C-alpha atoms as a PDB file:
ATOM      1  CA  MET A   1       0.000   0.000   0.000  1.00  0.00           C
ATOM      2  CA  ALA A   2       2.790   2.432   0.807  1.00  0.00           C
ATOM      3  CA  GLU A   3       4.273   2.004  -2.676  1.00  0.00           C
ATOM      4  CA  SER A   4       1.012   2.851  -4.437  1.00  0.00           C
ATOM      5  CA  THR A   5       0.533   6.073  -2.473  1.00  0.00           C
ATOM      6  CA  SER A   6       4.107   7.208  -3.077  1.00  0.00           C
ATOM      7  CA  SER A   7       4.021   6.343  -6.799  1.00  0.00           C
ATOM      8  CA  SER A   8       0.748   8.221  -7.338  1.00  0.00           C
ATOM      9  CA  ASN A   9       2.559  11.554  -7.008  1.00  0.00           C
ATOM     10  CA  LYS A  10       5.421  10.596  -9.317  1.00  0.00           C
ATOM     11  CA  LYS A  11       5.653  11.005 -13.064  1.00  0.00           C
ATOM     12  CA  THR A  12       6.977   8.417 -15.480  1.00  0.00           C
ATOM     13  CA  SER A  13       9.814  10.733 -16.504  1.00  0.00           C
ATOM     14  CA  GLN A  14      11.134  10.798 -12.930  1.00  0.00           C
ATOM     15  CA  LEU A  15      11.962   7.083 -13.077  1.00  0.00           C
ATOM     16  CA  TYR A  16      12.382   6.277 -16.781  1.00  0.00           C
ATOM     17  CA  GLY A  17      13.782   7.990 -19.845  1.00  0.00           C
ATOM     18  CA  ILE A  18      10.843   8.932 -22.082  1.00  0.00           C
ATOM     19  CA  ASP A  19      10.360  10.322 -25.589  1.00  0.00           C
ATOM     20  CA  ALA A  20       9.801  14.049 -25.978  1.00  0.00           C
ATOM     21  CA  ASP A  21       6.474  13.481 -27.775  1.00  0.00           C
ATOM     22  CA  LEU A  22       5.028  11.126 -25.147  1.00  0.00           C
ATOM     23  CA  PRO A  23       1.334  11.999 -24.510  1.00  0.00           C
ATOM     24  CA  SER A  24       0.498  13.316 -21.064  1.00  0.00           C
ATOM     25  CA  ARG A  25      -1.707  10.290 -20.281  1.00  0.00           C
ATOM     26  CA  PHE A  26       1.455   8.135 -20.222  1.00  0.00           C
ATOM     27  CA  GLU A  27       3.391  10.726 -18.245  1.00  0.00           C
ATOM     28  CA  ASN A  28       0.660  10.853 -15.568  1.00  0.00           C
ATOM     29  CA  PRO A  29      -1.006   7.412 -15.463  1.00  0.00           C
ATOM     30  CA  ASP A  30      -3.189   8.474 -12.526  1.00  0.00           C
ATOM     31  CA  CYS A  31      -5.479  10.247 -15.007  1.00  0.00           C
ATOM     32  CA  PHE A  32      -6.826   6.881 -16.312  1.00  0.00           C
ATOM     33  CA  GLN A  33     -10.360   6.273 -15.054  1.00  0.00           C
ATOM     34  CA  GLY A  34     -12.777   3.344 -15.085  1.00  0.00           C
ATOM     35  CA  TYR A  35     -10.825   0.540 -13.483  1.00  0.00           C
ATOM     36  CA  ASP A  36     -12.195  -2.023 -11.064  1.00  0.00           C
ATOM     37  CA  ASN A  37     -13.325  -0.613  -7.765  1.00  0.00           C
ATOM     38  CA  SER A  38     -14.649  -3.525  -5.720  1.00  0.00           C
ATOM     39  CA  ASN A  39     -16.765  -1.244  -3.535  1.00  0.00           C
ATOM     40  CA  THR A  40     -18.947   0.095  -6.360  1.00  0.00           C
ATOM     41  CA  LYS A  41     -19.184  -2.809  -8.810  1.00  0.00           C
ATOM     42  CA  LYS A  42     -21.365  -5.819  -8.264  1.00  0.00           C
ATOM     43  CA  LYS A  43     -19.478  -9.012  -7.544  1.00  0.00           C
ATOM     44  CA  LEU A  44     -18.795 -11.314 -10.488  1.00  0.00           C
ATOM     45  CA  ASN A  45     -19.159 -15.048 -10.256  1.00  0.00           C
ATOM     46  CA  PRO A  46     -15.607 -16.418  -9.862  1.00  0.00           C
ATOM     47  CA  ILE A  47     -16.417 -19.278 -12.231  1.00  0.00           C
ATOM     48  CA  TYR A  48     -16.638 -16.829 -15.149  1.00  0.00           C
ATOM     49  CA  ARG A  49     -13.682 -14.634 -14.168  1.00  0.00           C
ATOM     50  CA  THR A  50     -10.832 -14.789 -16.696  1.00  0.00           C
ATOM     51  CA  THR A  51      -7.186 -13.844 -16.385  1.00  0.00           C
ATOM     52  CA  ASN A  52      -7.761 -10.958 -18.805  1.00  0.00           C
ATOM     53  CA  MET A  53     -10.444  -9.605 -16.497  1.00  0.00           C
ATOM     54  CA  VAL A  54      -8.012  -9.736 -13.584  1.00  0.00           C
ATOM     55  CA  TYR A  55      -5.273  -8.041 -15.611  1.00  0.00           C
ATOM     56  CA  GLY A  56      -7.632  -5.387 -16.974  1.00  0.00           C
ATOM     57  CA  SER A  57      -9.034  -4.491 -13.583  1.00  0.00           C
ATOM     58  CA  ASN A  58      -5.675  -3.085 -12.463  1.00  0.00           C
ATOM     59  CA  ALA A  59      -5.125   0.581 -13.265  1.00  0.00           C
ATOM     60  CA  PRO A  60      -1.844   1.391 -15.041  1.00  0.00           C
ATOM     61  CA  SER A  61       1.090   2.610 -12.974  1.00  0.00           C
ATOM     62  CA  ILE A  62       4.270   4.476 -13.841  1.00  0.00           C
ATOM     63  CA  HIS A  63       5.976   1.092 -14.184  1.00  0.00           C
ATOM     64  CA  THR A  64       3.507  -0.349 -16.714  1.00  0.00           C
ATOM     65  CA  VAL A  65       2.813   2.565 -19.106  1.00  0.00           C
ATOM     66  CA  PRO A  66       4.874   2.839 -22.312  1.00  0.00           C
ATOM     67  CA  THR A  67       7.871   5.170 -22.372  1.00  0.00           C
ATOM     68  CA  LYS A  68       7.895   5.499 -26.169  1.00  0.00           C
ATOM     69  CA  PHE A  69       5.040   6.564 -28.450  1.00  0.00           C
ATOM     70  CA  LYS A  70       5.319   6.011 -32.199  1.00  0.00           C
ATOM     71  CA  PRO A  71       1.933   6.725 -33.820  1.00  0.00           C
ATOM     72  CA  ARG A  72       1.168   5.436 -37.311  1.00  0.00           C
ATOM     73  CA  SER A  73      -0.018   7.699 -40.100  1.00  0.00           C
ATOM     74  CA  GLN A  74      -3.579   7.270 -41.365  1.00  0.00           C
ATOM     75  CA  VAL A  75      -2.751   7.895 -45.045  1.00  0.00           C
ATOM     76  CA  PHE A  76      -3.764   4.423 -46.291  1.00  0.00           C
ATOM     77  CA  SER A  77      -6.990   4.305 -44.260  1.00  0.00           C
ATOM     78  CA  SER A  78      -7.919   7.849 -45.280  1.00  0.00           C
ATOM     79  CA  HIS A  79      -7.469   6.932 -48.947  1.00  0.00           C
ATOM     80  CA  LEU A  80      -9.698   3.852 -48.562  1.00  0.00           C
ATOM     81  CA  ALA A  81     -12.342   5.899 -46.777  1.00  0.00           C
ATOM     82  CA  SER A  82     -12.512   8.410 -49.618  1.00  0.00           C
ATOM     83  CA  CYS A  83     -12.305   5.945 -52.559  1.00  0.00           C
ATOM     84  CA  GLY A  84     -13.779   2.745 -51.153  1.00  0.00           C
ATOM     85  CA  MET A  85     -12.506  -0.818 -51.084  1.00  0.00           C
ATOM     86  CA  TYR A  86     -11.314  -2.607 -54.225  1.00  0.00           C
ATOM     87  CA  ARG A  87     -14.087  -4.387 -56.116  1.00  0.00           C
ATOM     88  CA  ASN A  88     -13.425  -7.128 -58.660  1.00  0.00           C
ATOM     89  CA  HIS A  89     -15.392  -6.429 -61.880  1.00  0.00           C
ATOM     90  CA  SER A  90     -13.992  -9.329 -63.920  1.00  0.00           C
ATOM     91  CA  LEU A  91     -16.099 -11.950 -65.696  1.00  0.00           C
ATOM     92  CA  ASN A  92     -17.193 -14.832 -63.465  1.00  0.00           C
ATOM     93  CA  THR A  93     -16.652 -18.124 -65.350  1.00  0.00           C
ATOM     94  CA  HIS A  94     -17.276 -20.447 -62.401  1.00  0.00           C
ATOM     95  CA  THR A  95     -20.199 -22.876 -62.785  1.00  0.00           C
ATOM     96  CA  GLU A  96     -22.578 -22.847 -59.873  1.00  0.00           C
ATOM     97  CA  LYS A  97     -23.641 -26.127 -58.299  1.00  0.00           C
ATOM     98  CA  SER A  98     -27.090 -27.017 -57.066  1.00  0.00           C
ATOM     99  CA  PHE A  99     -27.413 -27.172 -53.283  1.00  0.00           C
ATOM    100  CA  ILE A 100     -29.674 -30.197 -53.559  1.00  0.00           C
ATOM    101  CA  THR A 101     -27.901 -32.492 -56.036  1.00  0.00           C
ATOM    102  CA  GLY A 102     -24.392 -31.029 -56.155  1.00  0.00           C
ATOM    103  CA  ASN A 103     -24.411 -31.104 -59.956  1.00  0.00           C
ATOM    104  CA  PRO A 104     -23.715 -28.012 -62.086  1.00  0.00           C
ATOM    105  CA  VAL A 105     -26.861 -26.088 -62.999  1.00  0.00           C
END
């Protein structure tokens, strides 16, 4: 418990070397909201609890947030959004088979 209260006031940059363009949410992981608070949530049946649910219920700390941030450009996705997906307009020469007999129609 003492470690969590002392680490809540620290920033990631105080313990680790970080990139200059690191977003503030990774610099101050205390700003993340919505993690498991056992007092307010109803209890889940332990039979259906998974390891991902256990892992996801823990809020991030300065030791678990990334220290580097390399975003990807959206050029390809933006082009697809404006033009649409590729559509094949070639001639279909495949013979269709009947669902009942399995023979070509």
